[in-house]
Amino acid sequence: MIDERVPLASAQGRRRRTDRRFVRHVRDTAEAYTLLAPSLIGFLLFLVAPIFGVAGLSLFDWNLMGAPSFVGLDNYRELAADPEVWRSLFNTVYYVLLNIPAQTVLALLLALALNRRMRGGKVFRVAFVLPWMAMPVALGIVWSWIFDPRYGAVNQVLGMAGIDGPNWLTDPAWAMPVIASVNVWQYTGYTMLILLAGLQAIPHQLYEAAAIDGTTPAQRFFMITLPLLRPSLFFVLVTNTIGSFQVFDTVFVMTQGGPGGATDVLNFHIYQQGFQLFRAGFASALAMVLFGLILLVTAAQFLYFRKRTVYDFS
């Protein structure tokens, strides 16, 4: 005679285990969202909501005082035909192209140098990171003095060598490179710190094995260091590119967008339209253009690095 209670008891046991797993999953999920709630609420209130607010405001004409007037896509049509907007867009891209390659290469060279055991290495790390901790406005004032054409330290040193230095911040050819050099000086230490952490995570045994195989230092750099440093490079390139597209403080303090609009970047142009000319709708449309540009460049970086191999030795 077959005992039918055995399969029934087995089914009930499986059901109870499934119910317990479901209850545990719900409890863990609720606990996770409870812990994430403060950050998630801040993310929604201070990042997502303002983006939608600016996108909606870009469809209106508003002088910050009266009632907004709906104009549809007129703000976007106007900025598309405005040569000053295209100039500020060109200036922004020009600044990014000056800043990112120089900052990344210099930071990588410093990280490679500090990755070797050397006396006073920790002191150098702190010294290189200190500018990143300073306020951009204060640094802009100091560097304005340094690049002063008559009394600045740069032209004083050039004068000792018999070189007549230019008017750095009033010459359209030099103003943007000076702005970029100040930001390279400020943020290279931070980038170096991230890359140095990536270098120290690479197993030293790989270099020893490659050296035994007779590879040169250059071959070891391109075959081991760069591929394994790719995650760190991806992080610094994405974050630094986003930050470079949003440059404002240095331009505001040192040049006010001059001379002749040579340093009028998109973020500064947004400030002028919104808070000097009181065209909040047009400034919002410009902000959405900047947001779209950053999103496009960031997506391109993600697609590029996603196709590359990443090695994990953890």
Protein backbone atom coordinates (compact mmCIF):
# COMPACT_ATOMS: atom_id res chain seq x y z
CA MET A 1 0.00 0.00 0.00
CA ILE A 2 1.42 3.42 -1.05
CA ASP A 3 1.56 6.07 1.64
CA GLU A 4 0.19 9.28 0.03
CA ARG A 5 1.21 11.37 3.03
CA VAL A 6 4.90 11.35 2.09
CA PRO A 7 4.65 13.37 -1.16
CA LEU A 8 2.08 15.65 0.52
CA ALA A 9 4.46 16.35 3.41
CA SER A 10 7.31 16.93 0.96
CA ALA A 11 5.22 19.43 -1.02
CA GLN A 12 4.21 21.25 2.15
CA GLY A 13 7.87 21.41 3.22
CA ARG A 14 8.91 22.91 -0.12
CA ARG A 15 6.07 25.43 0.12
CA ARG A 16 7.15 26.46 3.61
CA ARG A 17 10.76 26.88 2.47
CA THR A 18 9.60 28.95 -0.50
CA ASP A 19 7.46 31.11 1.78
CA ARG A 20 10.38 31.63 4.16
CA ARG A 21 12.68 32.61 1.28
CA PHE A 22 10.05 35.04 -0.02
CA VAL A 23 9.58 36.62 3.41
CA ARG A 24 13.36 36.89 3.83
CA HIS A 25 13.69 38.46 0.37
CA VAL A 26 10.96 41.01 1.15
CA ARG A 27 12.57 41.82 4.50
CA ASP A 28 16.03 42.24 2.93
CA THR A 29 14.62 44.40 0.14
CA ALA A 30 12.73 46.61 2.61
CA GLU A 31 15.86 46.95 4.75
CA ALA A 32 17.99 47.86 1.72
CA TYR A 33 15.55 50.54 0.54
CA THR A 34 15.28 51.91 4.06
CA LEU A 35 19.06 52.38 4.19
CA LEU A 36 19.09 53.82 0.66
CA ALA A 37 16.15 56.15 1.27
CA PRO A 38 18.11 59.27 2.41
CA SER A 39 20.46 59.15 -0.57
CA LEU A 40 17.68 58.16 -2.96
CA ILE A 41 15.43 61.00 -1.81
CA GLY A 42 18.29 63.47 -2.16
CA PHE A 43 19.06 62.13 -5.65
CA LEU A 44 15.44 62.53 -6.74
CA LEU A 45 14.94 65.96 -5.15
CA PHE A 46 18.23 67.61 -6.06
CA LEU A 47 19.15 65.95 -9.37
CA VAL A 48 16.25 64.30 -11.17
CA ALA A 49 13.56 66.84 -10.24
CA PRO A 50 15.67 69.89 -11.26
CA ILE A 51 16.42 68.29 -14.64
CA PHE A 52 12.71 67.94 -15.37
CA GLY A 53 12.11 71.43 -13.98
CA VAL A 54 14.73 73.00 -16.25
CA ALA A 55 13.41 71.00 -19.24
CA GLY A 56 9.92 72.37 -18.59
CA LEU A 57 11.16 75.93 -18.01
CA SER A 58 13.01 75.86 -21.34
CA LEU A 59 9.61 75.92 -23.05
CA PHE A 60 8.70 79.25 -21.43
CA ASP A 61 9.73 82.89 -21.64
CA TRP A 62 10.29 84.16 -18.09
CA ASN A 63 12.16 87.17 -16.68
CA LEU A 64 12.18 85.76 -13.10
CA MET A 65 9.52 88.25 -12.00
CA GLY A 66 6.28 88.07 -13.95
CA ALA A 67 4.27 85.05 -14.97
CA PRO A 68 6.04 82.66 -17.38
CA SER A 69 4.76 82.70 -20.97
CA PHE A 70 4.67 79.44 -22.91
CA VAL A 71 6.66 79.71 -26.17
CA GLY A 72 7.17 76.06 -27.05
CA LEU A 73 10.43 75.40 -28.90
CA ASP A 74 11.12 79.06 -29.69
CA ASN A 75 14.03 79.18 -27.25
CA TYR A 76 15.67 76.25 -28.99
CA ARG A 77 15.13 77.81 -32.42
CA GLU A 78 16.68 81.04 -31.19
CA LEU A 79 19.77 79.43 -29.71
CA ALA A 80 20.28 77.35 -32.86
CA ALA A 81 20.49 80.59 -34.87
CA ASP A 82 22.53 82.54 -32.29
CA PRO A 83 26.25 82.81 -33.24
CA GLU A 84 27.19 83.58 -29.64
CA VAL A 85 25.78 80.21 -28.54
CA TRP A 86 27.84 78.43 -31.20
CA ARG A 87 30.89 80.39 -30.11
CA SER A 88 30.38 79.35 -26.47
CA LEU A 89 29.88 75.75 -27.60
CA PHE A 90 33.15 75.87 -29.56
CA ASN A 91 34.94 77.44 -26.57
CA THR A 92 33.64 74.70 -24.28
CA VAL A 93 34.83 71.90 -26.56
CA TYR A 94 38.16 73.70 -27.05
CA TYR A 95 38.62 73.93 -23.28
CA VAL A 96 37.82 70.22 -22.83
CA LEU A 97 40.32 69.26 -25.54
CA LEU A 98 42.98 71.40 -23.86
CA ASN A 99 42.24 70.20 -20.35
CA ILE A 100 41.50 66.47 -20.47
CA PRO A 101 44.49 65.14 -22.50
CA ALA A 102 47.01 67.31 -20.64
CA GLN A 103 45.55 66.50 -17.23
CA THR A 104 45.33 62.75 -17.90
CA VAL A 105 48.82 62.37 -19.37
CA LEU A 106 50.45 64.46 -16.64
CA ALA A 107 48.56 62.60 -13.90
CA LEU A 108 49.57 59.24 -15.38
CA LEU A 109 53.25 60.26 -15.49
CA LEU A 110 53.10 61.43 -11.88
CA ALA A 111 51.33 58.22 -10.81
CA LEU A 112 53.96 56.09 -12.54
CA ALA A 113 56.73 58.06 -10.80
CA LEU A 114 55.12 57.87 -7.35
CA ASN A 115 54.28 54.18 -7.78
CA ARG A 116 57.97 53.41 -7.39
CA ARG A 117 59.40 53.23 -3.90
CA MET A 118 61.02 56.58 -3.31
CA ARG A 119 61.98 58.64 -0.30
CA GLY A 120 59.35 61.26 0.52
CA GLY A 121 56.71 59.70 -1.74
CA LYS A 122 53.88 60.36 0.73
CA VAL A 123 54.88 64.01 1.01
CA PHE A 124 54.75 64.40 -2.76
CA ARG A 125 51.29 62.79 -2.87
CA VAL A 126 49.95 65.26 -0.34
CA ALA A 127 51.60 68.19 -2.14
CA PHE A 128 50.06 67.24 -5.49
CA VAL A 129 46.57 66.77 -4.01
CA LEU A 130 46.51 70.03 -2.02
CA PRO A 131 45.51 72.24 -5.01
CA TRP A 132 42.44 70.06 -5.58
CA MET A 133 41.29 70.86 -2.02
CA ALA A 134 41.50 74.62 -2.55
CA MET A 135 38.53 76.79 -3.58
CA PRO A 136 38.47 77.50 -7.36
CA VAL A 137 37.50 81.14 -6.76
CA ALA A 138 40.49 81.74 -4.49
CA LEU A 139 42.80 80.00 -6.94
CA GLY A 140 41.39 82.10 -9.78
CA ILE A 141 42.26 85.31 -7.92
CA VAL A 142 45.79 84.09 -7.15
CA TRP A 143 46.44 82.97 -10.72
CA SER A 144 45.10 86.28 -12.05
CA TRP A 145 47.88 87.98 -10.09
CA ILE A 146 50.45 85.45 -11.30
CA PHE A 147 49.50 86.08 -14.95
CA ASP A 148 49.29 89.85 -14.59
CA PRO A 149 51.13 91.26 -17.64
CA ARG A 150 53.09 93.91 -15.70
CA TYR A 151 53.62 92.59 -12.18
CA GLY A 152 52.82 88.88 -12.49
CA ALA A 153 55.38 86.22 -11.61
CA VAL A 154 55.17 84.56 -15.03
CA ASN A 155 56.17 87.66 -17.00
CA GLN A 156 58.76 88.58 -14.38
CA VAL A 157 60.48 85.23 -14.87
CA LEU A 158 60.21 85.52 -18.66
CA GLY A 159 61.66 89.03 -18.45
CA MET A 160 64.74 87.69 -16.65
CA ALA A 161 65.28 85.41 -19.65
CA GLY A 162 64.89 88.32 -22.05
CA ILE A 163 61.42 87.27 -23.21
CA ASP A 164 58.59 89.80 -23.40
CA GLY A 165 55.57 87.94 -22.05
CA PRO A 166 52.13 88.52 -23.60
CA ASN A 167 49.03 89.94 -21.95
CA TRP A 168 47.89 86.49 -20.95
CA LEU A 169 44.29 87.13 -19.92
CA THR A 170 43.52 89.91 -22.41
CA ASP A 171 44.91 88.15 -25.48
CA PRO A 172 42.28 85.97 -27.23
CA ALA A 173 44.96 83.50 -28.31
CA TRP A 174 46.25 82.94 -24.77
CA ALA A 175 43.24 83.39 -22.48
CA MET A 176 41.72 79.92 -22.91
CA PRO A 177 45.06 78.04 -22.64
CA VAL A 178 45.72 79.94 -19.40
CA ILE A 179 42.29 78.95 -18.02
CA ALA A 180 42.94 75.33 -19.00
CA SER A 181 46.43 75.35 -17.46
CA VAL A 182 45.06 76.61 -14.13
CA ASN A 183 42.51 73.80 -14.01
CA VAL A 184 45.12 71.22 -15.08
CA TRP A 185 47.29 72.40 -12.20
CA GLN A 186 44.39 72.16 -9.74
CA TYR A 187 42.92 68.77 -10.68
CA THR A 188 45.96 66.76 -11.84
CA GLY A 189 46.74 65.71 -8.27
CA TYR A 190 43.27 64.23 -7.79
CA THR A 191 43.49 62.34 -11.07
CA MET A 192 46.97 61.14 -10.15
CA LEU A 193 45.68 59.76 -6.85
CA ILE A 194 43.01 57.66 -8.60
CA LEU A 195 45.48 56.34 -11.18
CA LEU A 196 48.03 55.59 -8.48
CA ALA A 197 45.49 53.45 -6.66
CA GLY A 198 44.86 51.59 -9.91
CA LEU A 199 48.58 51.02 -10.45
CA GLN A 200 49.06 49.65 -6.95
CA ALA A 201 46.26 47.12 -7.56
CA ILE A 202 48.18 45.51 -10.45
CA PRO A 203 49.92 42.30 -9.28
CA HIS A 204 53.69 42.76 -9.30
CA GLN A 205 54.17 39.14 -10.38
CA LEU A 206 52.99 40.06 -13.87
CA TYR A 207 55.86 42.50 -14.29
CA GLU A 208 58.34 39.95 -12.96
CA ALA A 209 57.12 37.30 -15.40
CA ALA A 210 57.24 39.77 -18.29
CA ALA A 211 60.78 40.82 -17.34
CA ILE A 212 61.89 37.18 -17.32
CA ASP A 213 60.45 36.85 -20.84
CA GLY A 214 62.75 39.67 -21.92
CA THR A 215 60.21 42.45 -22.48
CA THR A 216 61.26 46.10 -22.41
CA PRO A 217 59.76 48.66 -19.98
CA ALA A 218 57.77 50.19 -22.85
CA GLN A 219 56.34 46.77 -23.77
CA ARG A 220 55.39 46.12 -20.15
CA PHE A 221 53.66 49.49 -20.00
CA PHE A 222 51.53 48.91 -23.10
CA MET A 223 50.92 45.20 -22.54
CA ILE A 224 50.33 45.16 -18.77
CA THR A 225 49.94 48.60 -17.22
CA LEU A 226 47.55 50.26 -19.66
CA PRO A 227 45.15 47.28 -20.06
CA LEU A 228 44.94 46.71 -16.30
CA LEU A 229 44.65 50.44 -15.59
CA ARG A 230 41.66 50.76 -17.92
CA PRO A 231 38.96 50.80 -15.18
CA SER A 232 40.73 53.65 -13.38
CA LEU A 233 41.26 55.52 -16.65
CA PHE A 234 37.59 55.07 -17.48
CA PHE A 235 36.55 56.56 -14.14
CA VAL A 236 38.82 59.61 -14.32
CA LEU A 237 38.05 60.31 -17.98
CA VAL A 238 34.28 60.21 -17.46
CA THR A 239 34.25 62.29 -14.26
CA ASN A 240 36.86 64.80 -15.45
CA THR A 241 35.15 65.25 -18.82
CA ILE A 242 31.81 65.94 -17.13
CA GLY A 243 33.51 68.43 -14.81
CA SER A 244 35.34 70.13 -17.70
CA PHE A 245 32.14 70.70 -19.65
CA GLN A 246 30.76 72.48 -16.56
CA VAL A 247 33.70 74.83 -16.04
CA PHE A 248 32.55 78.15 -14.60
CA ASP A 249 34.42 79.38 -11.49
CA THR A 250 37.79 79.96 -13.12
CA VAL A 251 36.26 81.72 -16.13
CA PHE A 252 34.06 83.90 -13.93
CA VAL A 253 36.93 85.04 -11.72
CA MET A 254 39.75 85.39 -14.25
CA THR A 255 38.19 86.59 -17.53
CA GLN A 256 34.40 87.06 -17.25
CA GLY A 257 34.12 85.32 -20.61
CA GLY A 258 36.56 87.70 -22.31
CA PRO A 259 38.51 88.93 -24.07
CA GLY A 260 36.01 89.34 -26.87
CA GLY A 261 34.16 86.18 -25.87
CA ALA A 262 37.28 84.00 -26.20
CA THR A 263 36.52 82.23 -22.90
CA ASP A 264 32.72 82.47 -23.00
CA VAL A 265 31.95 78.81 -22.26
CA LEU A 266 28.44 77.38 -22.16
CA ASN A 267 28.13 77.43 -18.38
CA PHE A 268 29.15 81.09 -18.23
CA HIS A 269 26.78 81.91 -21.10
CA ILE A 270 23.96 80.24 -19.16
CA TYR A 271 24.79 82.42 -16.16
CA GLN A 272 24.75 85.58 -18.28
CA GLN A 273 21.42 84.79 -19.91
CA GLY A 274 19.74 83.68 -16.70
CA PHE A 275 21.06 86.05 -14.03
CA GLN A 276 22.30 89.10 -15.92
CA LEU A 277 19.78 89.35 -18.78
CA PHE A 278 16.98 87.62 -16.79
CA ARG A 279 16.09 85.22 -19.61
CA ALA A 280 15.40 82.15 -17.52
CA GLY A 281 13.68 80.22 -20.31
CA PHE A 282 16.51 80.76 -22.79
CA ALA A 283 19.11 79.92 -20.13
CA SER A 284 17.21 76.71 -19.36
CA ALA A 285 17.28 75.76 -23.04
CA LEU A 286 21.05 76.33 -23.04
CA ALA A 287 21.33 74.18 -19.91
CA MET A 288 19.46 71.36 -21.66
CA VAL A 289 21.86 71.62 -24.61
CA LEU A 290 24.80 71.32 -22.22
CA PHE A 291 23.12 68.38 -20.47
CA GLY A 292 22.55 66.64 -23.82
CA LEU A 293 26.15 67.25 -24.87
CA ILE A 294 27.53 65.80 -21.62
CA LEU A 295 25.15 62.83 -21.90
CA LEU A 296 26.26 62.16 -25.47
CA VAL A 297 29.98 62.30 -24.68
CA THR A 298 29.55 60.16 -21.55
CA ALA A 299 27.57 57.55 -23.49
CA ALA A 300 30.31 57.43 -26.14
CA GLN A 301 32.91 56.85 -23.42
CA PHE A 302 30.83 54.05 -21.90
CA LEU A 303 30.43 52.36 -25.29
CA TYR A 304 34.16 52.64 -26.01
CA PHE A 305 35.33 51.19 -22.70
CA ARG A 306 32.62 48.52 -22.56
CA LYS A 307 34.12 46.85 -25.63
CA ARG A 308 37.53 46.63 -24.00
CA THR A 309 38.67 43.65 -21.94
CA VAL A 310 38.93 44.15 -18.19
CA TYR A 311 41.03 41.75 -16.12
CA ASP A 312 40.06 41.08 -12.52
CA PHE A 313 42.67 39.69 -10.15
CA SER A 314 40.67 40.09 -6.96
